[in-house]
Amino acid sequence: MAARNRLLGALCATIDGRADATTELILAEIRRAGYWISGDGRIGEGDLATILGMAAGALANRRREGKAPPSYALGGGGHRVTYRVTEVAQWLEAHRNAT
């Protein structure tokens, strides 16, 4: 049920544009920090963890537990695991508290 609610939350965030705004904020931070980003919009796990304000190991643990955004085992820019920025934004918005 929780996974269904998160999926519904991601869909709603996409429909109302919140995920688009969040994507732009993440992309701006990637550019500001000078992080590598792939041509298809993926960022490395360590860089993403820094942007999210968590340790890289914490994000890796969440990934292994199935509690992180979808990840890719496609290397790039020296990274073993990458995340598509648009999917990260949808994941963030799906976990937003509605208070």
C-alpha atoms as a PDB file:
ATOM      1  CA  MET A   1       0.000   0.000   0.000  1.00  0.00           C
ATOM      2  CA  ALA A   2       2.833   2.421   0.836  1.00  0.00           C
ATOM      3  CA  ALA A   3       4.469   1.798  -2.558  1.00  0.00           C
ATOM      4  CA  ARG A   4       1.143   2.497  -4.266  1.00  0.00           C
ATOM      5  CA  ASN A   5       0.776   5.759  -2.327  1.00  0.00           C
ATOM      6  CA  ARG A   6       4.314   6.826  -3.311  1.00  0.00           C
ATOM      7  CA  LEU A   7       3.591   6.011  -6.949  1.00  0.00           C
ATOM      8  CA  LEU A   8       0.386   8.030  -6.761  1.00  0.00           C
ATOM      9  CA  GLY A   9       2.290  10.875  -5.094  1.00  0.00           C
ATOM     10  CA  ALA A  10       4.895  10.854  -7.874  1.00  0.00           C
ATOM     11  CA  LEU A  11       2.154  10.926 -10.490  1.00  0.00           C
ATOM     12  CA  CYS A  12       0.427  13.854  -8.772  1.00  0.00           C
ATOM     13  CA  ALA A  13       3.750  15.708  -8.471  1.00  0.00           C
ATOM     14  CA  THR A  14       4.319  15.229 -12.191  1.00  0.00           C
ATOM     15  CA  ILE A  15       0.826  16.377 -13.091  1.00  0.00           C
ATOM     16  CA  ASP A  16       0.861  19.532 -10.980  1.00  0.00           C
ATOM     17  CA  GLY A  17       4.410  20.499 -11.996  1.00  0.00           C
ATOM     18  CA  ARG A  18       6.107  20.164  -8.593  1.00  0.00           C
ATOM     19  CA  ALA A  19       8.479  17.521  -9.950  1.00  0.00           C
ATOM     20  CA  ASP A  20       9.436  19.813 -12.844  1.00  0.00           C
ATOM     21  CA  ALA A  21      10.287  22.630 -10.452  1.00  0.00           C
ATOM     22  CA  THR A  22      12.270  20.256  -8.238  1.00  0.00           C
ATOM     23  CA  THR A  23      14.128  18.918 -11.282  1.00  0.00           C
ATOM     24  CA  GLU A  24      15.164  22.456 -12.198  1.00  0.00           C
ATOM     25  CA  LEU A  25      16.392  23.118  -8.649  1.00  0.00           C
ATOM     26  CA  ILE A  26      18.470  19.927  -8.651  1.00  0.00           C
ATOM     27  CA  LEU A  27      19.914  20.705 -12.095  1.00  0.00           C
ATOM     28  CA  ALA A  28      20.835  24.217 -10.945  1.00  0.00           C
ATOM     29  CA  GLU A  29      22.699  22.767  -7.949  1.00  0.00           C
ATOM     30  CA  ILE A  30      24.497  20.239 -10.174  1.00  0.00           C
ATOM     31  CA  ARG A  31      25.683  23.070 -12.414  1.00  0.00           C
ATOM     32  CA  ARG A  32      26.631  25.287  -9.468  1.00  0.00           C
ATOM     33  CA  ALA A  33      28.677  22.511  -7.863  1.00  0.00           C
ATOM     34  CA  GLY A  34      30.251  21.443 -11.164  1.00  0.00           C
ATOM     35  CA  TYR A  35      29.109  17.835 -10.836  1.00  0.00           C
ATOM     36  CA  TRP A  36      29.142  15.439 -13.775  1.00  0.00           C
ATOM     37  CA  ILE A  37      25.789  14.804 -15.452  1.00  0.00           C
ATOM     38  CA  SER A  38      25.215  12.377 -18.314  1.00  0.00           C
ATOM     39  CA  GLY A  39      23.629  13.302 -21.602  1.00  0.00           C
ATOM     40  CA  ASP A  40      20.436  11.575 -20.491  1.00  0.00           C
ATOM     41  CA  GLY A  41      20.310  13.425 -17.164  1.00  0.00           C
ATOM     42  CA  ARG A  42      21.931  11.009 -14.708  1.00  0.00           C
ATOM     43  CA  ILE A  43      24.101  12.013 -11.740  1.00  0.00           C
ATOM     44  CA  GLY A  44      26.445   9.891  -9.630  1.00  0.00           C
ATOM     45  CA  GLU A  45      25.372   8.467  -6.289  1.00  0.00           C
ATOM     46  CA  GLY A  46      27.912  10.371  -4.203  1.00  0.00           C
ATOM     47  CA  ASP A  47      27.086  13.682  -5.850  1.00  0.00           C
ATOM     48  CA  LEU A  48      23.359  13.116  -5.424  1.00  0.00           C
ATOM     49  CA  ALA A  49      23.834  12.233  -1.764  1.00  0.00           C
ATOM     50  CA  THR A  50      25.659  15.526  -1.243  1.00  0.00           C
ATOM     51  CA  ILE A  51      22.837  17.466  -2.922  1.00  0.00           C
ATOM     52  CA  LEU A  52      20.275  15.663  -0.753  1.00  0.00           C
ATOM     53  CA  GLY A  53      22.309  16.409   2.388  1.00  0.00           C
ATOM     54  CA  MET A  54      23.048  12.812   3.309  1.00  0.00           C
ATOM     55  CA  ALA A  55      26.086  10.583   3.381  1.00  0.00           C
ATOM     56  CA  ALA A  56      26.784   8.584   0.227  1.00  0.00           C
ATOM     57  CA  GLY A  57      26.638   5.394   2.304  1.00  0.00           C
ATOM     58  CA  ALA A  58      23.177   6.302   3.574  1.00  0.00           C
ATOM     59  CA  LEU A  59      21.894   6.720   0.020  1.00  0.00           C
ATOM     60  CA  ALA A  60      23.554   3.436  -0.987  1.00  0.00           C
ATOM     61  CA  ASN A  61      21.880   1.696   1.962  1.00  0.00           C
ATOM     62  CA  ARG A  62      18.494   3.128   0.955  1.00  0.00           C
ATOM     63  CA  ARG A  63      19.101   1.896  -2.591  1.00  0.00           C
ATOM     64  CA  ARG A  64      19.859  -1.630  -1.376  1.00  0.00           C
ATOM     65  CA  GLU A  65      16.720  -1.544   0.809  1.00  0.00           C
ATOM     66  CA  GLY A  66      14.569  -0.383  -2.103  1.00  0.00           C
ATOM     67  CA  LYS A  67      13.885   2.981  -0.427  1.00  0.00           C
ATOM     68  CA  ALA A  68      15.762   5.252  -2.845  1.00  0.00           C
ATOM     69  CA  PRO A  69      14.933   6.622  -6.278  1.00  0.00           C
ATOM     70  CA  PRO A  70      15.395   4.204  -9.186  1.00  0.00           C
ATOM     71  CA  SER A  71      19.108   3.742  -9.889  1.00  0.00           C
ATOM     72  CA  TYR A  72      21.204   2.619 -12.815  1.00  0.00           C
ATOM     73  CA  ALA A  73      24.292   0.418 -12.749  1.00  0.00           C
ATOM     74  CA  LEU A  74      25.541   2.314 -15.788  1.00  0.00           C
ATOM     75  CA  GLY A  75      28.879   3.864 -15.113  1.00  0.00           C
ATOM     76  CA  GLY A  76      29.613   7.372 -16.181  1.00  0.00           C
ATOM     77  CA  GLY A  77      31.783  10.206 -15.019  1.00  0.00           C
ATOM     78  CA  GLY A  78      33.642   7.822 -12.718  1.00  0.00           C
ATOM     79  CA  HIS A  79      30.468   6.676 -10.949  1.00  0.00           C
ATOM     80  CA  ARG A  80      29.327   3.062 -10.592  1.00  0.00           C
ATOM     81  CA  VAL A  81      25.712   3.910  -9.706  1.00  0.00           C
ATOM     82  CA  THR A  82      23.749   6.776 -11.183  1.00  0.00           C
ATOM     83  CA  TYR A  83      20.284   8.290 -10.778  1.00  0.00           C
ATOM     84  CA  ARG A  84      18.175  10.118 -13.367  1.00  0.00           C
ATOM     85  CA  VAL A  85      17.473  13.637 -12.056  1.00  0.00           C
ATOM     86  CA  THR A  86      13.823  13.606 -13.182  1.00  0.00           C
ATOM     87  CA  GLU A  87      13.196  10.374 -11.261  1.00  0.00           C
ATOM     88  CA  VAL A  88      14.927  11.783  -8.175  1.00  0.00           C
ATOM     89  CA  ALA A  89      12.627  14.817  -8.308  1.00  0.00           C
ATOM     90  CA  GLN A  90       9.539  12.589  -8.602  1.00  0.00           C
ATOM     91  CA  TRP A  91      10.783  10.468  -5.683  1.00  0.00           C
ATOM     92  CA  LEU A  92      11.370  13.560  -3.535  1.00  0.00           C
ATOM     93  CA  GLU A  93       7.937  14.969  -4.311  1.00  0.00           C
ATOM     94  CA  ALA A  94       6.274  11.603  -3.648  1.00  0.00           C
ATOM     95  CA  HIS A  95       7.713  11.752  -0.117  1.00  0.00           C
ATOM     96  CA  ARG A  96       6.609  15.320   0.549  1.00  0.00           C
ATOM     97  CA  ASN A  97       4.512  15.779   3.675  1.00  0.00           C
ATOM     98  CA  ALA A  98       1.152  17.331   2.894  1.00  0.00           C
ATOM     99  CA  THR A  99       1.128  19.605   5.942  1.00  0.00           C
END
